[in-house]
Amino acid sequence: MTALHEIQQLLAQLTPGEKASVLQNVAQDLGDAFPGIDSRNGVCGGEPCIVRTRIPVWVLHRMRQSGVSEADILRAYPTISAEDLTNAWHYTRAHLDEIEAQARANEEA
């Protein structure tokens, strides 16, 4: 049984008030989370990527900086959507120093 499946079963047993409390805790835990962007140990060195892919945000950022249009980025990466790009741009704006450092580190490697 996956953790998500177990949580879904437990949620079904909670009262509406208890569910609201869980939701509040989850919202606080997410804090600085960005929808569609995920950082996971073991996936691209823990760098932020588009969810369900191994496409790091820094790669998309560098493409954009190089003058590649969003349409061309989407053609190059058919598994992502315009919404994914929007999420990546929001993440980049909020974490520009981090994204630039990741780009430089990967370019120097």
PDB file of N, CA and C in Angstrom:
ATOM      1  N   MET A   1       0.853  -1.183   0.000  1.00  0.00           N
ATOM      2  CA  MET A   1       0.000   0.000   0.000  1.00  0.00           C
ATOM      3  C   MET A   1       0.895   1.241   0.000  1.00  0.00           C
ATOM      4  N   THR A   2       0.612   2.163  -0.907  1.00  0.00           N
ATOM      5  CA  THR A   2       1.391   3.393  -0.960  1.00  0.00           C
ATOM      6  C   THR A   2       0.959   4.339   0.154  1.00  0.00           C
ATOM      7  N   ALA A   3       1.834   5.256   0.474  1.00  0.00           N
ATOM      8  CA  ALA A   3       1.513   6.240   1.513  1.00  0.00           C
ATOM      9  C   ALA A   3       0.292   7.055   1.110  1.00  0.00           C
ATOM     10  N   LEU A   4       0.203   7.410  -0.169  1.00  0.00           N
ATOM     11  CA  LEU A   4      -0.942   8.198  -0.630  1.00  0.00           C
ATOM     12  C   LEU A   4      -2.245   7.422  -0.460  1.00  0.00           C
ATOM     13  N   HIS A   5      -2.234   6.153  -0.806  1.00  0.00           N
ATOM     14  CA  HIS A   5      -3.441   5.336  -0.657  1.00  0.00           C
ATOM     15  C   HIS A   5      -3.834   5.228   0.818  1.00  0.00           C
ATOM     16  N   GLU A   6      -2.851   5.059   1.663  1.00  0.00           N
ATOM     17  CA  GLU A   6      -3.108   4.968   3.104  1.00  0.00           C
ATOM     18  C   GLU A   6      -3.710   6.278   3.632  1.00  0.00           C
ATOM     19  N   ILE A   7      -3.160   7.401   3.173  1.00  0.00           N
ATOM     20  CA  ILE A   7      -3.682   8.707   3.596  1.00  0.00           C
ATOM     21  C   ILE A   7      -5.122   8.883   3.131  1.00  0.00           C
ATOM     22  N   GLN A   8      -5.406   8.472   1.897  1.00  0.00           N
ATOM     23  CA  GLN A   8      -6.768   8.592   1.369  1.00  0.00           C
ATOM     24  C   GLN A   8      -7.753   7.785   2.218  1.00  0.00           C
ATOM     25  N   GLN A   9      -7.345   6.615   2.649  1.00  0.00           N
ATOM     26  CA  GLN A   9      -8.212   5.794   3.501  1.00  0.00           C
ATOM     27  C   GLN A   9      -8.432   6.463   4.857  1.00  0.00           C
ATOM     28  N   LEU A  10      -7.371   7.023   5.404  1.00  0.00           N
ATOM     29  CA  LEU A  10      -7.498   7.689   6.699  1.00  0.00           C
ATOM     30  C   LEU A  10      -8.372   8.934   6.601  1.00  0.00           C
ATOM     31  N   LEU A  11      -8.222   9.697   5.523  1.00  0.00           N
ATOM     32  CA  LEU A  11      -9.037  10.900   5.338  1.00  0.00           C
ATOM     33  C   LEU A  11     -10.526  10.574   5.291  1.00  0.00           C
ATOM     34  N   ALA A  12     -10.861   9.453   4.705  1.00  0.00           N
ATOM     35  CA  ALA A  12     -12.266   9.053   4.603  1.00  0.00           C
ATOM     36  C   ALA A  12     -12.893   8.837   5.979  1.00  0.00           C
ATOM     37  N   GLN A  13     -12.074   8.585   6.975  1.00  0.00           N
ATOM     38  CA  GLN A  13     -12.571   8.310   8.326  1.00  0.00           C
ATOM     39  C   GLN A  13     -12.671   9.566   9.195  1.00  0.00           C
ATOM     40  N   LEU A  14     -12.158  10.693   8.693  1.00  0.00           N
ATOM     41  CA  LEU A  14     -12.135  11.912   9.495  1.00  0.00           C
ATOM     42  C   LEU A  14     -13.425  12.708   9.369  1.00  0.00           C
ATOM     43  N   THR A  15     -13.695  13.502  10.399  1.00  0.00           N
ATOM     44  CA  THR A  15     -14.824  14.424  10.357  1.00  0.00           C
ATOM     45  C   THR A  15     -14.434  15.622   9.496  1.00  0.00           C
ATOM     46  N   PRO A  16     -15.407  16.418   9.052  1.00  0.00           N
ATOM     47  CA  PRO A  16     -15.057  17.621   8.282  1.00  0.00           C
ATOM     48  C   PRO A  16     -14.108  18.556   9.044  1.00  0.00           C
ATOM     49  N   GLY A  17     -14.296  18.695  10.340  1.00  0.00           N
ATOM     50  CA  GLY A  17     -13.408  19.543  11.131  1.00  0.00           C
ATOM     51  C   GLY A  17     -11.988  19.010  11.178  1.00  0.00           C
ATOM     52  N   GLU A  18     -11.861  17.706  11.304  1.00  0.00           N
ATOM     53  CA  GLU A  18     -10.533  17.091  11.312  1.00  0.00           C
ATOM     54  C   GLU A  18      -9.863  17.239   9.938  1.00  0.00           C
ATOM     55  N   LYS A  19     -10.642  17.096   8.880  1.00  0.00           N
ATOM     56  CA  LYS A  19     -10.098  17.270   7.526  1.00  0.00           C
ATOM     57  C   LYS A  19      -9.607  18.705   7.333  1.00  0.00           C
ATOM     58  N   ALA A  20     -10.369  19.668   7.860  1.00  0.00           N
ATOM     59  CA  ALA A  20      -9.954  21.067   7.761  1.00  0.00           C
ATOM     60  C   ALA A  20      -8.632  21.289   8.486  1.00  0.00           C
ATOM     61  N   SER A  21      -8.472  20.647   9.633  1.00  0.00           N
ATOM     62  CA  SER A  21      -7.228  20.767  10.389  1.00  0.00           C
ATOM     63  C   SER A  21      -6.061  20.157   9.610  1.00  0.00           C
ATOM     64  N   VAL A  22      -6.286  19.018   8.976  1.00  0.00           N
ATOM     65  CA  VAL A  22      -5.254  18.382   8.155  1.00  0.00           C
ATOM     66  C   VAL A  22      -4.887  19.295   6.994  1.00  0.00           C
ATOM     67  N   LEU A  23      -5.900  19.858   6.360  1.00  0.00           N
ATOM     68  CA  LEU A  23      -5.662  20.757   5.227  1.00  0.00           C
ATOM     69  C   LEU A  23      -4.835  21.963   5.648  1.00  0.00           C
ATOM     70  N   GLN A  24      -5.138  22.517   6.805  1.00  0.00           N
ATOM     71  CA  GLN A  24      -4.385  23.653   7.308  1.00  0.00           C
ATOM     72  C   GLN A  24      -2.922  23.266   7.541  1.00  0.00           C
ATOM     73  N   ASN A  25      -2.689  22.094   8.106  1.00  0.00           N
ATOM     74  CA  ASN A  25      -1.322  21.632   8.339  1.00  0.00           C
ATOM     75  C   ASN A  25      -0.577  21.415   7.029  1.00  0.00           C
ATOM     76  N   VAL A  26      -1.252  20.869   6.043  1.00  0.00           N
ATOM     77  CA  VAL A  26      -0.619  20.650   4.738  1.00  0.00           C
ATOM     78  C   VAL A  26      -0.274  21.985   4.093  1.00  0.00           C
ATOM     79  N   ALA A  27      -1.189  22.942   4.152  1.00  0.00           N
ATOM     80  CA  ALA A  27      -0.938  24.261   3.566  1.00  0.00           C
ATOM     81  C   ALA A  27       0.262  24.940   4.232  1.00  0.00           C
ATOM     82  N   GLN A  28       0.366  24.826   5.537  1.00  0.00           N
ATOM     83  CA  GLN A  28       1.506  25.413   6.252  1.00  0.00           C
ATOM     84  C   GLN A  28       2.799  24.705   5.862  1.00  0.00           C
ATOM     85  N   ASP A  29       2.728  23.397   5.686  1.00  0.00           N
ATOM     86  CA  ASP A  29       3.903  22.619   5.339  1.00  0.00           C
ATOM     87  C   ASP A  29       4.410  22.962   3.937  1.00  0.00           C
ATOM     88  N   LEU A  30       3.481  23.250   3.030  1.00  0.00           N
ATOM     89  CA  LEU A  30       3.873  23.568   1.657  1.00  0.00           C
ATOM     90  C   LEU A  30       4.567  24.909   1.572  1.00  0.00           C
ATOM     91  N   GLY A  31       4.127  25.857   2.372  1.00  0.00           N
ATOM     92  CA  GLY A  31       4.770  27.159   2.459  1.00  0.00           C
ATOM     93  C   GLY A  31       5.168  27.747   1.123  1.00  0.00           C
ATOM     94  N   ASP A  32       6.403  27.510   0.746  1.00  0.00           N
ATOM     95  CA  ASP A  32       6.986  28.119  -0.444  1.00  0.00           C
ATOM     96  C   ASP A  32       6.893  27.184  -1.655  1.00  0.00           C
ATOM     97  N   ALA A  33       5.940  26.307  -1.668  1.00  0.00           N
ATOM     98  CA  ALA A  33       5.814  25.350  -2.767  1.00  0.00           C
ATOM     99  C   ALA A  33       5.285  26.029  -4.025  1.00  0.00           C
ATOM    100  N   PHE A  34       5.710  25.522  -5.142  1.00  0.00           N
ATOM    101  CA  PHE A  34       5.249  26.025  -6.430  1.00  0.00           C
ATOM    102  C   PHE A  34       4.565  24.881  -7.157  1.00  0.00           C
ATOM    103  N   PRO A  35       3.337  25.090  -7.618  1.00  0.00           N
ATOM    104  CA  PRO A  35       2.642  24.008  -8.313  1.00  0.00           C
ATOM    105  C   PRO A  35       3.387  23.639  -9.583  1.00  0.00           C
ATOM    106  N   GLY A  36       3.493  22.357  -9.824  1.00  0.00           N
ATOM    107  CA  GLY A  36       4.111  21.883 -11.053  1.00  0.00           C
ATOM    108  C   GLY A  36       5.618  21.805 -11.013  1.00  0.00           C
ATOM    109  N   ILE A  37       6.233  22.225  -9.908  1.00  0.00           N
ATOM    110  CA  ILE A  37       7.685  22.168  -9.755  1.00  0.00           C
ATOM    111  C   ILE A  37       7.986  21.295  -8.547  1.00  0.00           C
ATOM    112  N   ASP A  38       8.916  20.371  -8.725  1.00  0.00           N
ATOM    113  CA  ASP A  38       9.222  19.437  -7.645  1.00  0.00           C
ATOM    114  C   ASP A  38      10.719  19.223  -7.551  1.00  0.00           C
ATOM    115  N   SER A  39      11.231  19.142  -6.346  1.00  0.00           N
ATOM    116  CA  SER A  39      12.632  18.804  -6.091  1.00  0.00           C
ATOM    117  C   SER A  39      12.642  17.521  -5.283  1.00  0.00           C
ATOM    118  N   ARG A  40      13.293  16.502  -5.826  1.00  0.00           N
ATOM    119  CA  ARG A  40      13.326  15.218  -5.132  1.00  0.00           C
ATOM    120  C   ARG A  40      14.745  14.674  -5.134  1.00  0.00           C
ATOM    121  N   ASN A  41      15.167  14.175  -3.988  1.00  0.00           N
ATOM    122  CA  ASN A  41      16.467  13.511  -3.921  1.00  0.00           C
ATOM    123  C   ASN A  41      16.460  12.347  -4.903  1.00  0.00           C
ATOM    124  N   GLY A  42      17.547  12.180  -5.618  1.00  0.00           N
ATOM    125  CA  GLY A  42      17.650  11.082  -6.563  1.00  0.00           C
ATOM    126  C   GLY A  42      17.112  11.403  -7.948  1.00  0.00           C
ATOM    127  N   VAL A  43      16.518  12.574  -8.120  1.00  0.00           N
ATOM    128  CA  VAL A  43      16.020  12.990  -9.438  1.00  0.00           C
ATOM    129  C   VAL A  43      16.749  14.267  -9.815  1.00  0.00           C
ATOM    130  N   CYS A  44      17.581  14.195 -10.822  1.00  0.00           N
ATOM    131  CA  CYS A  44      18.354  15.350 -11.307  1.00  0.00           C
ATOM    132  C   CYS A  44      19.116  16.041 -10.181  1.00  0.00           C
ATOM    133  N   GLY A  45      19.693  15.248  -9.310  1.00  0.00           N
ATOM    134  CA  GLY A  45      20.497  15.819  -8.230  1.00  0.00           C
ATOM    135  C   GLY A  45      19.711  16.671  -7.252  1.00  0.00           C
ATOM    136  N   GLY A  46      18.405  16.482  -7.205  1.00  0.00           N
ATOM    137  CA  GLY A  46      17.571  17.268  -6.293  1.00  0.00           C
ATOM    138  C   GLY A  46      17.225  18.645  -6.815  1.00  0.00           C
ATOM    139  N   GLU A  47      17.607  18.940  -8.066  1.00  0.00           N
ATOM    140  CA  GLU A  47      17.278  20.244  -8.644  1.00  0.00           C
ATOM    141  C   GLU A  47      15.794  20.321  -8.948  1.00  0.00           C
ATOM    142  N   PRO A  48      15.203  21.514  -8.873  1.00  0.00           N
ATOM    143  CA  PRO A  48      13.781  21.652  -9.183  1.00  0.00           C
ATOM    144  C   PRO A  48      13.523  21.318 -10.655  1.00  0.00           C
ATOM    145  N   CYS A  49      12.527  20.463 -10.857  1.00  0.00           N
ATOM    146  CA  CYS A  49      12.157  19.989 -12.195  1.00  0.00           C
ATOM    147  C   CYS A  49      10.661  20.162 -12.402  1.00  0.00           C
ATOM    148  N   ILE A  50      10.274  20.096 -13.673  1.00  0.00           N
ATOM    149  CA  ILE A  50       8.857  20.042 -13.997  1.00  0.00           C
ATOM    150  C   ILE A  50       8.337  18.707 -13.475  1.00  0.00           C
ATOM    151  N   VAL A  51       7.217  18.725 -12.761  1.00  0.00           N
ATOM    152  CA  VAL A  51       6.642  17.511 -12.186  1.00  0.00           C
ATOM    153  C   VAL A  51       6.424  16.471 -13.286  1.00  0.00           C
ATOM    154  N   ARG A  52       6.635  15.242 -12.960  1.00  0.00           N
ATOM    155  CA  ARG A  52       6.473  14.084 -13.845  1.00  0.00           C
ATOM    156  C   ARG A  52       7.549  14.014 -14.929  1.00  0.00           C
ATOM    157  N   THR A  53       8.564  14.835 -14.840  1.00  0.00           N
ATOM    158  CA  THR A  53       9.632  14.822 -15.836  1.00  0.00           C
ATOM    159  C   THR A  53      10.970  14.904 -15.125  1.00  0.00           C
ATOM    160  N   ARG A  54      11.998  14.844 -15.908  1.00  0.00           N
ATOM    161  CA  ARG A  54      13.356  15.082 -15.407  1.00  0.00           C
ATOM    162  C   ARG A  54      13.917  16.314 -16.105  1.00  0.00           C
ATOM    163  N   ILE A  55      13.050  17.283 -16.363  1.00  0.00           N
ATOM    164  CA  ILE A  55      13.464  18.513 -17.033  1.00  0.00           C
ATOM    165  C   ILE A  55      13.682  19.585 -15.968  1.00  0.00           C
ATOM    166  N   PRO A  56      14.954  19.921 -15.707  1.00  0.00           N
ATOM    167  CA  PRO A  56      15.239  20.919 -14.683  1.00  0.00           C
ATOM    168  C   PRO A  56      14.775  22.318 -15.114  1.00  0.00           C
ATOM    169  N   VAL A  57      14.353  23.085 -14.146  1.00  0.00           N
ATOM    170  CA  VAL A  57      13.910  24.458 -14.399  1.00  0.00           C
ATOM    171  C   VAL A  57      15.049  25.271 -15.000  1.00  0.00           C
ATOM    172  N   TRP A  58      16.283  25.034 -14.545  1.00  0.00           N
ATOM    173  CA  TRP A  58      17.400  25.834 -15.045  1.00  0.00           C
ATOM    174  C   TRP A  58      17.593  25.654 -16.549  1.00  0.00           C
ATOM    175  N   VAL A  59      17.313  24.463 -17.078  1.00  0.00           N
ATOM    176  CA  VAL A  59      17.449  24.222 -18.523  1.00  0.00           C
ATOM    177  C   VAL A  59      16.467  25.104 -19.286  1.00  0.00           C
ATOM    178  N   LEU A  60      15.233  25.140 -18.822  1.00  0.00           N
ATOM    179  CA  LEU A  60      14.217  25.967 -19.474  1.00  0.00           C
ATOM    180  C   LEU A  60      14.580  27.452 -19.359  1.00  0.00           C
ATOM    181  N   HIS A  61      15.091  27.821 -18.203  1.00  0.00           N
ATOM    182  CA  HIS A  61      15.505  29.212 -17.980  1.00  0.00           C
ATOM    183  C   HIS A  61      16.608  29.600 -18.967  1.00  0.00           C
ATOM    184  N   ARG A  62      17.606  28.731 -19.113  1.00  0.00           N
ATOM    185  CA  ARG A  62      18.701  29.031 -20.037  1.00  0.00           C
ATOM    186  C   ARG A  62      18.198  29.096 -21.486  1.00  0.00           C
ATOM    187  N   MET A  63      17.283  28.213 -21.844  1.00  0.00           N
ATOM    188  CA  MET A  63      16.729  28.264 -23.199  1.00  0.00           C
ATOM    189  C   MET A  63      16.054  29.610 -23.431  1.00  0.00           C
ATOM    190  N   ARG A  64      15.272  30.023 -22.462  1.00  0.00           N
ATOM    191  CA  ARG A  64      14.566  31.302 -22.577  1.00  0.00           C
ATOM    192  C   ARG A  64      15.550  32.463 -22.682  1.00  0.00           C
ATOM    193  N   GLN A  65      16.606  32.422 -21.862  1.00  0.00           N
ATOM    194  CA  GLN A  65      17.627  33.468 -21.911  1.00  0.00           C
ATOM    195  C   GLN A  65      18.326  33.506 -23.271  1.00  0.00           C
ATOM    196  N   SER A  66      18.427  32.350 -23.911  1.00  0.00           N
ATOM    197  CA  SER A  66      19.103  32.255 -25.210  1.00  0.00           C
ATOM    198  C   SER A  66      18.218  32.704 -26.363  1.00  0.00           C
ATOM    199  N   GLY A  67      16.986  33.083 -26.025  1.00  0.00           N
ATOM    200  CA  GLY A  67      16.081  33.582 -27.056  1.00  0.00           C
ATOM    201  C   GLY A  67      15.184  32.534 -27.678  1.00  0.00           C
ATOM    202  N   VAL A  68      15.176  31.333 -27.122  1.00  0.00           N
ATOM    203  CA  VAL A  68      14.296  30.290 -27.632  1.00  0.00           C
ATOM    204  C   VAL A  68      12.864  30.640 -27.226  1.00  0.00           C
ATOM    205  N   SER A  69      11.958  30.615 -28.175  1.00  0.00           N
ATOM    206  CA  SER A  69      10.567  30.966 -27.888  1.00  0.00           C
ATOM    207  C   SER A  69       9.894  29.859 -27.070  1.00  0.00           C
ATOM    208  N   GLU A  70       8.817  30.230 -26.411  1.00  0.00           N
ATOM    209  CA  GLU A  70       8.067  29.224 -25.652  1.00  0.00           C
ATOM    210  C   GLU A  70       7.541  28.144 -26.588  1.00  0.00           C
ATOM    211  N   ALA A  71       7.101  28.520 -27.761  1.00  0.00           N
ATOM    212  CA  ALA A  71       6.599  27.532 -28.724  1.00  0.00           C
ATOM    213  C   ALA A  71       7.696  26.532 -29.077  1.00  0.00           C
ATOM    214  N   ASP A  72       8.918  27.015 -29.269  1.00  0.00           N
ATOM    215  CA  ASP A  72      10.023  26.118 -29.598  1.00  0.00           C
ATOM    216  C   ASP A  72      10.415  25.246 -28.399  1.00  0.00           C
ATOM    217  N   ILE A  73      10.334  25.804 -27.199  1.00  0.00           N
ATOM    218  CA  ILE A  73      10.599  24.995 -25.996  1.00  0.00           C
ATOM    219  C   ILE A  73       9.578  23.868 -25.908  1.00  0.00           C
ATOM    220  N   LEU A  74       8.314  24.193 -26.145  1.00  0.00           N
ATOM    221  CA  LEU A  74       7.266  23.172 -26.074  1.00  0.00           C
ATOM    222  C   LEU A  74       7.445  22.113 -27.166  1.00  0.00           C
ATOM    223  N   ARG A  75       7.940  22.516 -28.320  1.00  0.00           N
ATOM    224  CA  ARG A  75       8.219  21.533 -29.378  1.00  0.00           C
ATOM    225  C   ARG A  75       9.403  20.646 -28.992  1.00  0.00           C
ATOM    226  N   ALA A  76      10.387  21.241 -28.337  1.00  0.00           N
ATOM    227  CA  ALA A  76      11.568  20.480 -27.926  1.00  0.00           C
ATOM    228  C   ALA A  76      11.248  19.499 -26.788  1.00  0.00           C
ATOM    229  N   TYR A  77      10.292  19.868 -25.973  1.00  0.00           N
ATOM    230  CA  TYR A  77       9.891  19.039 -24.823  1.00  0.00           C
ATOM    231  C   TYR A  77       8.386  18.787 -24.889  1.00  0.00           C
ATOM    232  N   PRO A  78       7.939  17.866 -25.727  1.00  0.00           N
ATOM    233  CA  PRO A  78       6.502  17.650 -25.919  1.00  0.00           C
ATOM    234  C   PRO A  78       5.771  17.100 -24.692  1.00  0.00           C
ATOM    235  N   THR A  79       6.517  16.686 -23.667  1.00  0.00           N
ATOM    236  CA  THR A  79       5.849  16.167 -22.462  1.00  0.00           C
ATOM    237  C   THR A  79       5.448  17.267 -21.493  1.00  0.00           C
ATOM    238  N   ILE A  80       5.836  18.525 -21.790  1.00  0.00           N
ATOM    239  CA  ILE A  80       5.439  19.617 -20.906  1.00  0.00           C
ATOM    240  C   ILE A  80       4.418  20.514 -21.605  1.00  0.00           C
ATOM    241  N   SER A  81       3.740  21.302 -20.813  1.00  0.00           N
ATOM    242  CA  SER A  81       2.677  22.177 -21.321  1.00  0.00           C
ATOM    243  C   SER A  81       3.040  23.648 -21.106  1.00  0.00           C
ATOM    244  N   ALA A  82       2.230  24.509 -21.683  1.00  0.00           N
ATOM    245  CA  ALA A  82       2.409  25.947 -21.466  1.00  0.00           C
ATOM    246  C   ALA A  82       2.274  26.272 -19.979  1.00  0.00           C
ATOM    247  N   GLU A  83       1.385  25.591 -19.304  1.00  0.00           N
ATOM    248  CA  GLU A  83       1.226  25.799 -17.865  1.00  0.00           C
ATOM    249  C   GLU A  83       2.509  25.428 -17.116  1.00  0.00           C
ATOM    250  N   ASP A  84       3.171  24.357 -17.557  1.00  0.00           N
ATOM    251  CA  ASP A  84       4.443  23.980 -16.936  1.00  0.00           C
ATOM    252  C   ASP A  84       5.472  25.092 -17.098  1.00  0.00           C
ATOM    253  N   LEU A  85       5.509  25.697 -18.276  1.00  0.00           N
ATOM    254  CA  LEU A  85       6.447  26.800 -18.492  1.00  0.00           C
ATOM    255  C   LEU A  85       6.117  27.983 -17.590  1.00  0.00           C
ATOM    256  N   THR A  86       4.845  28.300 -17.468  1.00  0.00           N
ATOM    257  CA  THR A  86       4.432  29.396 -16.584  1.00  0.00           C
ATOM    258  C   THR A  86       4.889  29.114 -15.158  1.00  0.00           C
ATOM    259  N   ASN A  87       4.700  27.880 -14.703  1.00  0.00           N
ATOM    260  CA  ASN A  87       5.150  27.505 -13.364  1.00  0.00           C
ATOM    261  C   ASN A  87       6.668  27.647 -13.235  1.00  0.00           C
ATOM    262  N   ALA A  88       7.383  27.253 -14.279  1.00  0.00           N
ATOM    263  CA  ALA A  88       8.843  27.366 -14.259  1.00  0.00           C
ATOM    264  C   ALA A  88       9.277  28.827 -14.193  1.00  0.00           C
ATOM    265  N   TRP A  89       8.605  29.694 -14.946  1.00  0.00           N
ATOM    266  CA  TRP A  89       8.964  31.120 -14.923  1.00  0.00           C
ATOM    267  C   TRP A  89       8.679  31.722 -13.546  1.00  0.00           C
ATOM    268  N   HIS A  90       7.569  31.344 -12.920  1.00  0.00           N
ATOM    269  CA  HIS A  90       7.259  31.845 -11.567  1.00  0.00           C
ATOM    270  C   HIS A  90       8.318  31.359 -10.570  1.00  0.00           C
ATOM    271  N   TYR A  91       8.672  30.084 -10.681  1.00  0.00           N
ATOM    272  CA  TYR A  91       9.681  29.537  -9.773  1.00  0.00           C
ATOM    273  C   TYR A  91      11.006  30.260  -9.972  1.00  0.00           C
ATOM    274  N   THR A  92      11.388  30.453 -11.224  1.00  0.00           N
ATOM    275  CA  THR A  92      12.650  31.129 -11.531  1.00  0.00           C
ATOM    276  C   THR A  92      12.667  32.539 -10.957  1.00  0.00           C
ATOM    277  N   ARG A  93      11.574  33.254 -11.120  1.00  0.00           N
ATOM    278  CA  ARG A  93      11.497  34.626 -10.605  1.00  0.00           C
ATOM    279  C   ARG A  93      11.698  34.645  -9.085  1.00  0.00           C
ATOM    280  N   ALA A  94      11.137  33.673  -8.387  1.00  0.00           N
ATOM    281  CA  ALA A  94      11.239  33.636  -6.922  1.00  0.00           C
ATOM    282  C   ALA A  94      12.576  33.085  -6.437  1.00  0.00           C
ATOM    283  N   HIS A  95      13.271  32.323  -7.291  1.00  0.00           N
ATOM    284  CA  HIS A  95      14.517  31.655  -6.877  1.00  0.00           C
ATOM    285  C   HIS A  95      15.627  31.878  -7.911  1.00  0.00           C
ATOM    286  N   LEU A  96      15.741  33.084  -8.416  1.00  0.00           N
ATOM    287  CA  LEU A  96      16.663  33.353  -9.512  1.00  0.00           C
ATOM    288  C   LEU A  96      18.108  32.999  -9.165  1.00  0.00           C
ATOM    289  N   ASP A  97      18.571  33.363  -7.987  1.00  0.00           N
ATOM    290  CA  ASP A  97      19.961  33.060  -7.617  1.00  0.00           C
ATOM    291  C   ASP A  97      20.223  31.551  -7.628  1.00  0.00           C
ATOM    292  N   GLU A  98      19.280  30.800  -7.084  1.00  0.00           N
ATOM    293  CA  GLU A  98      19.403  29.338  -7.051  1.00  0.00           C
ATOM    294  C   GLU A  98      19.444  28.759  -8.471  1.00  0.00           C
ATOM    295  N   ILE A  99      18.553  29.201  -9.331  1.00  0.00           N
ATOM    296  CA  ILE A  99      18.479  28.696 -10.702  1.00  0.00           C
ATOM    297  C   ILE A  99      19.742  29.064 -11.475  1.00  0.00           C
ATOM    298  N   GLU A 100      20.217  30.287 -11.311  1.00  0.00           N
ATOM    299  CA  GLU A 100      21.453  30.711 -11.983  1.00  0.00           C
ATOM    300  C   GLU A 100      22.637  29.876 -11.511  1.00  0.00           C
ATOM    301  N   ALA A 101      22.719  29.613 -10.210  1.00  0.00           N
ATOM    302  CA  ALA A 101      23.815  28.804  -9.669  1.00  0.00           C
ATOM    303  C   ALA A 101      23.771  27.383 -10.229  1.00  0.00           C
ATOM    304  N   GLN A 102      22.574  26.814 -10.329  1.00  0.00           N
ATOM    305  CA  GLN A 102      22.440  25.465 -10.893  1.00  0.00           C
ATOM    306  C   GLN A 102      22.847  25.452 -12.361  1.00  0.00           C
ATOM    307  N   ALA A 103      22.448  26.466 -13.092  1.00  0.00           N
ATOM    308  CA  ALA A 103      22.810  26.551 -14.508  1.00  0.00           C
ATOM    309  C   ALA A 103      24.322  26.637 -14.665  1.00  0.00           C
ATOM    310  N   ARG A 104      24.960  27.513 -13.887  1.00  0.00           N
ATOM    311  CA  ARG A 104      26.414  27.663 -13.969  1.00  0.00           C
ATOM    312  C   ARG A 104      27.132  26.360 -13.601  1.00  0.00           C
ATOM    313  N   ALA A 105      26.674  25.724 -12.528  1.00  0.00           N
ATOM    314  CA  ALA A 105      27.301  24.474 -12.091  1.00  0.00           C
ATOM    315  C   ALA A 105      27.207  23.395 -13.154  1.00  0.00           C
ATOM    316  N   ASN A 106      26.073  23.303 -13.821  1.00  0.00           N
ATOM    317  CA  ASN A 106      25.905  22.287 -14.850  1.00  0.00           C
ATOM    318  C   ASN A 106      26.665  22.645 -16.121  1.00  0.00           C
ATOM    319  N   GLU A 107      26.794  23.908 -16.418  1.00  0.00           N
ATOM    320  CA  GLU A 107      27.535  24.331 -17.599  1.00  0.00           C
ATOM    321  C   GLU A 107      29.038  24.133 -17.405  1.00  0.00           C
ATOM    322  N   GLU A 108      29.501  24.238 -16.163  1.00  0.00           N
ATOM    323  CA  GLU A 108      30.922  24.062 -15.864  1.00  0.00           C
ATOM    324  C   GLU A 108      31.310  22.603 -15.729  1.00  0.00           C
ATOM    325  N   ALA A 109      30.333  21.741 -15.549  1.00  0.00           N
ATOM    326  CA  ALA A 109      30.619  20.308 -15.333  1.00  0.00           C
ATOM    327  C   ALA A 109      31.052  19.631 -16.622  1.00  0.00           C
TER     328      ALA A 109
END
